Amino acid sequence: MWTGESLRKRRLELGVTQRRLAIALDVTETTVRNWESSRHIPSLTPRQTQTMCRILQLSLDEFAEFEHLAS
């Protein structure tokens, strides 16, 4: 499971805005804010998962580990 803080931290480390992430994942900025504040847990499609990996500069294996560490 993701934690909002882990997502926010990685995004900020890479200089990615909430807007850029939202556009790339075809979700609203409010959705990204809700993920980062842990109000909602991301439920990503395979395409969104690949996009998230690309933006956060993670391989699928790293993404799975990142997700595991966040829980």
N, C-alpha and C. Protein backbone atom coordinates (compact mmCIF):
# COMPACT_ATOMS: atom_id res chain seq x y z
N MET A 1 0.82 -1.19 0.00
CA MET A 1 0.00 0.00 0.00
C MET A 1 0.87 1.25 0.00
N TRP A 2 0.38 2.23 -0.68
CA TRP A 2 1.03 3.53 -0.69
C TRP A 2 0.73 4.25 0.61
N THR A 3 1.66 5.10 0.99
CA THR A 3 1.30 6.12 1.97
C THR A 3 1.36 7.43 1.22
N GLY A 4 0.54 8.34 1.62
CA GLY A 4 0.54 9.63 0.95
C GLY A 4 1.89 10.31 1.03
N GLU A 5 2.53 10.18 2.18
CA GLU A 5 3.82 10.84 2.38
C GLU A 5 4.89 10.26 1.45
N SER A 6 4.87 8.95 1.24
CA SER A 6 5.89 8.34 0.36
C SER A 6 5.71 8.81 -1.07
N LEU A 7 4.48 8.92 -1.51
CA LEU A 7 4.21 9.41 -2.86
C LEU A 7 4.63 10.87 -2.98
N ARG A 8 4.24 11.68 -2.02
CA ARG A 8 4.57 13.10 -2.03
C ARG A 8 6.09 13.31 -2.02
N LYS A 9 6.78 12.57 -1.15
CA LYS A 9 8.23 12.71 -1.03
C LYS A 9 8.92 12.38 -2.35
N ARG A 10 8.56 11.27 -2.97
CA ARG A 10 9.19 10.88 -4.23
C ARG A 10 8.89 11.90 -5.32
N ARG A 11 7.65 12.36 -5.39
CA ARG A 11 7.26 13.35 -6.40
C ARG A 11 8.07 14.62 -6.24
N LEU A 12 8.21 15.11 -5.01
CA LEU A 12 8.95 16.34 -4.76
C LEU A 12 10.44 16.17 -5.03
N GLU A 13 11.00 15.00 -4.68
CA GLU A 13 12.42 14.74 -4.97
C GLU A 13 12.72 14.90 -6.45
N LEU A 14 11.76 14.56 -7.29
CA LEU A 14 11.95 14.60 -8.73
C LEU A 14 11.45 15.90 -9.35
N GLY A 15 10.90 16.79 -8.53
CA GLY A 15 10.42 18.07 -9.04
C GLY A 15 9.17 17.95 -9.90
N VAL A 16 8.36 16.95 -9.64
CA VAL A 16 7.13 16.72 -10.39
C VAL A 16 5.98 17.41 -9.65
N THR A 17 5.21 18.19 -10.36
CA THR A 17 4.07 18.86 -9.74
C THR A 17 2.87 17.92 -9.65
N GLN A 18 1.97 18.25 -8.75
CA GLN A 18 0.73 17.48 -8.66
C GLN A 18 -0.02 17.56 -9.98
N ARG A 19 0.01 18.72 -10.59
CA ARG A 19 -0.69 18.92 -11.88
C ARG A 19 -0.11 18.01 -12.95
N ARG A 20 1.21 17.97 -13.06
CA ARG A 20 1.85 17.12 -14.08
C ARG A 20 1.50 15.64 -13.85
N LEU A 21 1.55 15.21 -12.62
CA LEU A 21 1.22 13.82 -12.30
C LEU A 21 -0.24 13.53 -12.63
N ALA A 22 -1.12 14.43 -12.25
CA ALA A 22 -2.55 14.25 -12.52
C ALA A 22 -2.82 14.15 -14.02
N ILE A 23 -2.23 15.04 -14.79
CA ILE A 23 -2.45 15.02 -16.24
C ILE A 23 -1.94 13.72 -16.83
N ALA A 24 -0.76 13.31 -16.43
CA ALA A 24 -0.16 12.08 -16.97
C ALA A 24 -0.99 10.84 -16.64
N LEU A 25 -1.61 10.84 -15.46
CA LEU A 25 -2.38 9.68 -15.03
C LEU A 25 -3.86 9.79 -15.38
N ASP A 26 -4.24 10.91 -16.00
CA ASP A 26 -5.63 11.16 -16.39
C ASP A 26 -6.56 11.12 -15.17
N VAL A 27 -6.11 11.81 -14.12
CA VAL A 27 -6.92 12.00 -12.92
C VAL A 27 -6.89 13.49 -12.59
N THR A 28 -7.67 13.90 -11.62
CA THR A 28 -7.68 15.31 -11.24
C THR A 28 -6.57 15.60 -10.23
N GLU A 29 -6.22 16.86 -10.13
CA GLU A 29 -5.26 17.27 -9.10
C GLU A 29 -5.80 16.96 -7.71
N THR A 30 -7.10 17.08 -7.55
CA THR A 30 -7.72 16.74 -6.27
C THR A 30 -7.47 15.28 -5.92
N THR A 31 -7.52 14.41 -6.91
CA THR A 31 -7.24 12.99 -6.68
C THR A 31 -5.83 12.81 -6.17
N VAL A 32 -4.86 13.47 -6.80
CA VAL A 32 -3.47 13.36 -6.36
C VAL A 32 -3.33 13.91 -4.95
N ARG A 33 -3.96 15.04 -4.66
CA ARG A 33 -3.91 15.60 -3.30
C ARG A 33 -4.51 14.62 -2.29
N ASN A 34 -5.61 13.98 -2.67
CA ASN A 34 -6.23 13.01 -1.77
C ASN A 34 -5.32 11.81 -1.53
N TRP A 35 -4.60 11.36 -2.55
CA TRP A 35 -3.62 10.28 -2.36
C TRP A 35 -2.55 10.72 -1.38
N GLU A 36 -2.02 11.92 -1.60
CA GLU A 36 -0.90 12.41 -0.78
C GLU A 36 -1.31 12.70 0.65
N SER A 37 -2.56 13.02 0.86
CA SER A 37 -3.03 13.27 2.23
C SER A 37 -3.60 11.99 2.86
N SER A 38 -3.47 10.89 2.14
CA SER A 38 -3.95 9.57 2.59
C SER A 38 -5.46 9.51 2.79
N ARG A 39 -6.18 10.40 2.12
CA ARG A 39 -7.65 10.33 2.16
C ARG A 39 -8.16 9.18 1.31
N HIS A 40 -7.41 8.88 0.23
CA HIS A 40 -7.76 7.79 -0.68
C HIS A 40 -6.50 7.03 -1.04
N ILE A 41 -6.66 5.75 -1.33
CA ILE A 41 -5.56 4.91 -1.77
C ILE A 41 -5.65 4.80 -3.29
N PRO A 42 -4.54 5.02 -4.00
CA PRO A 42 -4.59 4.91 -5.47
C PRO A 42 -5.03 3.52 -5.92
N SER A 43 -5.90 3.50 -6.88
CA SER A 43 -6.31 2.26 -7.55
C SER A 43 -5.97 2.48 -9.02
N LEU A 44 -4.80 2.01 -9.42
CA LEU A 44 -4.26 2.32 -10.74
C LEU A 44 -4.50 1.21 -11.74
N THR A 45 -4.78 1.60 -12.97
CA THR A 45 -4.85 0.64 -14.06
C THR A 45 -3.43 0.24 -14.44
N PRO A 46 -3.25 -0.82 -15.21
CA PRO A 46 -1.90 -1.16 -15.66
C PRO A 46 -1.21 0.00 -16.40
N ARG A 47 -1.96 0.71 -17.24
CA ARG A 47 -1.38 1.84 -17.96
C ARG A 47 -0.95 2.93 -16.98
N GLN A 48 -1.77 3.23 -16.00
CA GLN A 48 -1.43 4.24 -15.01
C GLN A 48 -0.22 3.82 -14.18
N THR A 49 -0.13 2.53 -13.89
CA THR A 49 1.03 2.02 -13.14
C THR A 49 2.31 2.24 -13.93
N GLN A 50 2.27 1.94 -15.23
CA GLN A 50 3.44 2.16 -16.08
C GLN A 50 3.79 3.64 -16.15
N THR A 51 2.78 4.48 -16.26
CA THR A 51 3.01 5.92 -16.31
C THR A 51 3.59 6.42 -15.00
N MET A 52 3.05 5.95 -13.89
CA MET A 52 3.57 6.34 -12.58
C MET A 52 5.03 5.93 -12.45
N CYS A 53 5.37 4.73 -12.91
CA CYS A 53 6.76 4.27 -12.86
C CYS A 53 7.67 5.18 -13.67
N ARG A 54 7.21 5.55 -14.86
CA ARG A 54 8.01 6.42 -15.72
C ARG A 54 8.23 7.77 -15.05
N ILE A 55 7.19 8.35 -14.52
CA ILE A 55 7.28 9.68 -13.91
C ILE A 55 8.11 9.66 -12.63
N LEU A 56 7.93 8.62 -11.83
CA LEU A 56 8.69 8.52 -10.57
C LEU A 56 10.05 7.87 -10.76
N GLN A 57 10.36 7.55 -12.02
CA GLN A 57 11.66 6.97 -12.39
C GLN A 57 11.94 5.69 -11.60
N LEU A 58 10.97 4.79 -11.65
CA LEU A 58 11.08 3.51 -10.97
C LEU A 58 10.79 2.39 -11.97
N SER A 59 11.52 1.28 -11.87
CA SER A 59 11.16 0.09 -12.64
C SER A 59 9.92 -0.51 -11.98
N LEU A 60 9.28 -1.44 -12.67
CA LEU A 60 8.11 -2.09 -12.06
C LEU A 60 8.49 -2.80 -10.77
N ASP A 61 9.68 -3.42 -10.75
CA ASP A 61 10.15 -4.07 -9.52
C ASP A 61 10.38 -3.06 -8.41
N GLU A 62 11.01 -1.94 -8.75
CA GLU A 62 11.24 -0.88 -7.75
C GLU A 62 9.91 -0.31 -7.26
N PHE A 63 8.98 -0.16 -8.19
CA PHE A 63 7.66 0.35 -7.83
C PHE A 63 6.99 -0.57 -6.82
N ALA A 64 7.07 -1.88 -7.07
CA ALA A 64 6.49 -2.86 -6.15
C ALA A 64 7.17 -2.77 -4.78
N GLU A 65 8.50 -2.62 -4.78
CA GLU A 65 9.24 -2.48 -3.52
C GLU A 65 8.89 -1.16 -2.83
N PHE A 66 8.81 -0.10 -3.61
CA PHE A 66 8.44 1.22 -3.09
C PHE A 66 7.06 1.13 -2.45
N GLU A 67 6.15 0.44 -3.13
CA GLU A 67 4.80 0.27 -2.62
C GLU A 67 4.83 -0.55 -1.33
N HIS A 68 5.66 -1.59 -1.30
CA HIS A 68 5.78 -2.44 -0.12
C HIS A 68 6.36 -1.65 1.06
N LEU A 69 7.40 -0.86 0.81
CA LEU A 69 8.02 -0.08 1.88
C LEU A 69 7.09 0.98 2.43
N ALA A 70 6.18 1.44 1.59
CA ALA A 70 5.25 2.48 2.01
C ALA A 70 4.19 1.95 2.96
N SER A 71 4.01 0.65 2.98
CA SER A 71 2.94 0.09 3.81
C SER A 71 3.41 -0.14 5.23
